[in-house]
N, C-alpha and C. Protein backbone atom coordinates (compact mmCIF):
# COMPACT_ATOMS: atom_id res chain seq x y z
N UNK A 1 -104.91 -87.12 7.69
CA UNK A 1 -104.92 -88.55 7.83
C UNK A 1 -103.75 -89.10 7.02
N UNK A 2 -102.81 -89.71 7.68
CA UNK A 2 -101.60 -90.18 7.00
C UNK A 2 -101.60 -91.67 6.71
N UNK A 3 -102.50 -92.42 7.34
CA UNK A 3 -102.50 -93.85 7.08
C UNK A 3 -102.94 -94.12 5.64
N UNK A 4 -102.55 -95.28 5.12
CA UNK A 4 -102.95 -95.62 3.75
C UNK A 4 -104.47 -95.55 3.61
N UNK A 5 -104.92 -95.01 2.50
CA UNK A 5 -106.35 -94.86 2.28
C UNK A 5 -106.69 -95.07 0.80
N UNK A 6 -107.95 -95.37 0.58
CA UNK A 6 -108.48 -95.61 -0.76
C UNK A 6 -109.83 -94.91 -0.83
N UNK A 7 -110.05 -94.19 -1.93
CA UNK A 7 -111.35 -93.55 -2.14
C UNK A 7 -112.01 -94.21 -3.33
N UNK A 8 -113.23 -94.68 -3.15
CA UNK A 8 -114.02 -95.26 -4.23
C UNK A 8 -115.35 -94.52 -4.27
N UNK A 9 -115.69 -94.02 -5.44
CA UNK A 9 -116.96 -93.34 -5.61
C UNK A 9 -117.54 -93.66 -6.97
N UNK A 10 -118.72 -93.19 -7.19
CA UNK A 10 -119.39 -93.39 -8.48
C UNK A 10 -119.31 -92.13 -9.33
N UNK A 11 -118.91 -92.29 -10.58
CA UNK A 11 -118.81 -91.15 -11.49
C UNK A 11 -120.18 -90.53 -11.78
N UNK A 12 -121.24 -91.32 -11.62
CA UNK A 12 -122.59 -90.83 -11.88
C UNK A 12 -123.30 -90.37 -10.60
N UNK A 13 -122.54 -90.21 -9.51
CA UNK A 13 -123.13 -89.74 -8.25
C UNK A 13 -123.55 -88.29 -8.43
N UNK A 14 -124.82 -87.97 -8.21
CA UNK A 14 -125.28 -86.59 -8.39
C UNK A 14 -124.54 -85.59 -7.50
N UNK A 15 -123.99 -86.04 -6.40
CA UNK A 15 -123.27 -85.14 -5.50
C UNK A 15 -122.05 -84.53 -6.18
N UNK A 16 -121.47 -85.23 -7.15
CA UNK A 16 -120.29 -84.71 -7.82
C UNK A 16 -120.60 -83.54 -8.74
N UNK A 17 -121.87 -83.28 -8.98
CA UNK A 17 -122.24 -82.13 -9.79
C UNK A 17 -122.15 -80.83 -8.99
N UNK A 18 -122.09 -80.95 -7.68
CA UNK A 18 -121.97 -79.77 -6.83
C UNK A 18 -120.52 -79.31 -6.83
N UNK A 19 -120.29 -78.06 -7.11
CA UNK A 19 -118.93 -77.53 -7.23
C UNK A 19 -118.05 -77.82 -6.01
N UNK A 20 -118.55 -77.62 -4.78
CA UNK A 20 -117.66 -77.87 -3.63
C UNK A 20 -117.23 -79.34 -3.53
N UNK A 21 -118.12 -80.24 -3.89
CA UNK A 21 -117.79 -81.67 -3.79
C UNK A 21 -116.72 -82.03 -4.81
N UNK A 22 -116.87 -81.59 -6.03
CA UNK A 22 -115.88 -81.87 -7.07
C UNK A 22 -114.52 -81.30 -6.66
N UNK A 23 -114.51 -80.11 -6.12
CA UNK A 23 -113.27 -79.49 -5.68
C UNK A 23 -112.60 -80.29 -4.57
N UNK A 24 -113.38 -80.80 -3.64
CA UNK A 24 -112.82 -81.62 -2.57
C UNK A 24 -112.23 -82.91 -3.12
N UNK A 25 -112.93 -83.52 -4.06
CA UNK A 25 -112.41 -84.74 -4.69
C UNK A 25 -111.09 -84.45 -5.40
N UNK A 26 -111.05 -83.35 -6.12
CA UNK A 26 -109.83 -83.00 -6.87
C UNK A 26 -108.64 -82.73 -5.96
N UNK A 27 -108.90 -82.38 -4.71
CA UNK A 27 -107.83 -82.05 -3.76
C UNK A 27 -107.60 -83.12 -2.70
N UNK A 28 -108.12 -84.30 -2.89
CA UNK A 28 -107.99 -85.35 -1.88
C UNK A 28 -106.54 -85.60 -1.48
N UNK A 29 -105.64 -85.60 -2.44
CA UNK A 29 -104.23 -85.87 -2.13
C UNK A 29 -103.65 -84.86 -1.15
N UNK A 30 -104.10 -83.64 -1.22
CA UNK A 30 -103.60 -82.60 -0.32
C UNK A 30 -104.05 -82.85 1.13
N UNK A 31 -105.20 -83.49 1.29
CA UNK A 31 -105.75 -83.73 2.62
C UNK A 31 -105.46 -85.14 3.13
N UNK A 32 -105.16 -86.03 2.22
CA UNK A 32 -104.88 -87.41 2.59
C UNK A 32 -103.51 -87.81 2.03
N UNK A 33 -102.43 -87.46 2.70
CA UNK A 33 -101.11 -87.77 2.16
C UNK A 33 -100.87 -89.26 1.98
N UNK A 34 -101.64 -90.10 2.68
CA UNK A 34 -101.49 -91.54 2.52
C UNK A 34 -102.40 -92.13 1.46
N UNK A 35 -103.04 -91.28 0.67
CA UNK A 35 -103.97 -91.77 -0.35
C UNK A 35 -103.23 -92.62 -1.38
N UNK A 36 -103.62 -93.86 -1.48
CA UNK A 36 -103.01 -94.77 -2.44
C UNK A 36 -103.63 -94.59 -3.82
N UNK A 37 -104.97 -94.48 -3.85
CA UNK A 37 -105.66 -94.38 -5.13
C UNK A 37 -107.03 -93.77 -4.89
N UNK A 38 -107.52 -93.04 -5.88
CA UNK A 38 -108.90 -92.57 -5.87
C UNK A 38 -109.53 -92.99 -7.19
N UNK A 39 -110.73 -93.54 -7.10
CA UNK A 39 -111.38 -94.12 -8.26
C UNK A 39 -112.82 -93.66 -8.32
N UNK A 40 -113.24 -93.19 -9.48
CA UNK A 40 -114.66 -92.94 -9.75
C UNK A 40 -115.10 -93.98 -10.77
N UNK A 41 -115.99 -94.85 -10.35
CA UNK A 41 -116.44 -95.94 -11.22
C UNK A 41 -117.46 -95.43 -12.23
N UNK A 42 -117.21 -95.65 -13.52
CA UNK A 42 -118.14 -95.17 -14.54
C UNK A 42 -119.51 -95.86 -14.44
N UNK A 43 -120.55 -95.07 -14.64
CA UNK A 43 -121.90 -95.60 -14.63
C UNK A 43 -122.43 -95.95 -13.24
N UNK A 44 -121.70 -95.60 -12.21
CA UNK A 44 -122.09 -95.92 -10.84
C UNK A 44 -122.49 -94.64 -10.13
N UNK A 45 -123.57 -94.73 -9.34
CA UNK A 45 -124.07 -93.56 -8.64
C UNK A 45 -123.55 -93.47 -7.22
N UNK A 46 -124.43 -93.14 -6.29
CA UNK A 46 -124.05 -92.84 -4.91
C UNK A 46 -123.72 -94.09 -4.09
N UNK A 47 -124.16 -95.25 -4.52
CA UNK A 47 -123.99 -96.48 -3.73
C UNK A 47 -123.05 -97.45 -4.44
N UNK A 48 -121.81 -97.05 -4.58
CA UNK A 48 -120.83 -97.85 -5.33
C UNK A 48 -120.74 -99.30 -4.86
N UNK A 49 -120.68 -99.58 -3.56
CA UNK A 49 -120.55 -100.98 -3.15
C UNK A 49 -121.73 -101.86 -3.59
N UNK A 50 -122.89 -101.27 -3.67
CA UNK A 50 -124.06 -102.04 -4.09
C UNK A 50 -124.20 -102.08 -5.61
N UNK A 51 -123.74 -101.05 -6.29
CA UNK A 51 -123.93 -100.94 -7.73
C UNK A 51 -122.87 -101.67 -8.54
N UNK A 52 -121.67 -101.79 -8.00
CA UNK A 52 -120.60 -102.50 -8.71
C UNK A 52 -119.78 -103.31 -7.70
N UNK A 53 -120.42 -104.32 -7.15
CA UNK A 53 -119.84 -105.13 -6.08
C UNK A 53 -118.48 -105.69 -6.48
N UNK A 54 -118.39 -106.26 -7.66
CA UNK A 54 -117.15 -106.92 -8.07
C UNK A 54 -115.99 -105.94 -8.17
N UNK A 55 -116.21 -104.81 -8.79
CA UNK A 55 -115.12 -103.84 -8.95
C UNK A 55 -114.70 -103.26 -7.60
N UNK A 56 -115.65 -102.96 -6.74
CA UNK A 56 -115.32 -102.44 -5.41
C UNK A 56 -114.50 -103.47 -4.64
N UNK A 57 -114.93 -104.74 -4.69
CA UNK A 57 -114.17 -105.79 -4.01
C UNK A 57 -112.75 -105.91 -4.58
N UNK A 58 -112.62 -105.84 -5.90
CA UNK A 58 -111.29 -105.90 -6.52
C UNK A 58 -110.40 -104.77 -6.01
N UNK A 59 -110.94 -103.57 -5.97
CA UNK A 59 -110.16 -102.41 -5.51
C UNK A 59 -109.76 -102.56 -4.05
N UNK A 60 -110.67 -103.03 -3.23
CA UNK A 60 -110.34 -103.21 -1.81
C UNK A 60 -109.25 -104.27 -1.64
N UNK A 61 -109.35 -105.36 -2.37
CA UNK A 61 -108.32 -106.40 -2.28
C UNK A 61 -106.97 -105.89 -2.77
N UNK A 62 -106.96 -105.11 -3.85
CA UNK A 62 -105.71 -104.50 -4.33
C UNK A 62 -105.12 -103.58 -3.26
N UNK A 63 -105.97 -102.79 -2.64
CA UNK A 63 -105.53 -101.87 -1.60
C UNK A 63 -104.94 -102.64 -0.41
N UNK A 64 -105.62 -103.69 0.02
CA UNK A 64 -105.11 -104.46 1.15
C UNK A 64 -103.78 -105.12 0.81
N UNK A 65 -103.62 -105.57 -0.40
CA UNK A 65 -102.35 -106.14 -0.84
C UNK A 65 -101.25 -105.07 -0.81
N UNK A 66 -101.59 -103.87 -1.26
CA UNK A 66 -100.65 -102.75 -1.22
C UNK A 66 -100.22 -102.47 0.22
N UNK A 67 -101.17 -102.43 1.14
CA UNK A 67 -100.87 -102.14 2.54
C UNK A 67 -100.01 -103.25 3.13
N UNK A 68 -100.35 -104.48 2.82
CA UNK A 68 -99.60 -105.62 3.35
C UNK A 68 -98.16 -105.62 2.85
N UNK A 69 -97.94 -105.19 1.61
CA UNK A 69 -96.62 -105.21 1.01
C UNK A 69 -95.71 -104.11 1.56
N UNK A 70 -96.29 -103.12 2.20
CA UNK A 70 -95.50 -102.00 2.73
C UNK A 70 -94.66 -102.40 3.86
């Protein structure tokens, strides 16, 4: 996937404790050459948009501004 992309997840998501998931996260840039940013929100679990609405919205708006500026 080469289009601009943003990854937002929760640092407290139990899925990240699984070795394959952590490895995939660590290698996102290799699979998503258009990755602008990857963020793990501290204290947030599996439902980042619901758990930290303001920060997720801020990140999405920053991403859209980045895409628009290209």
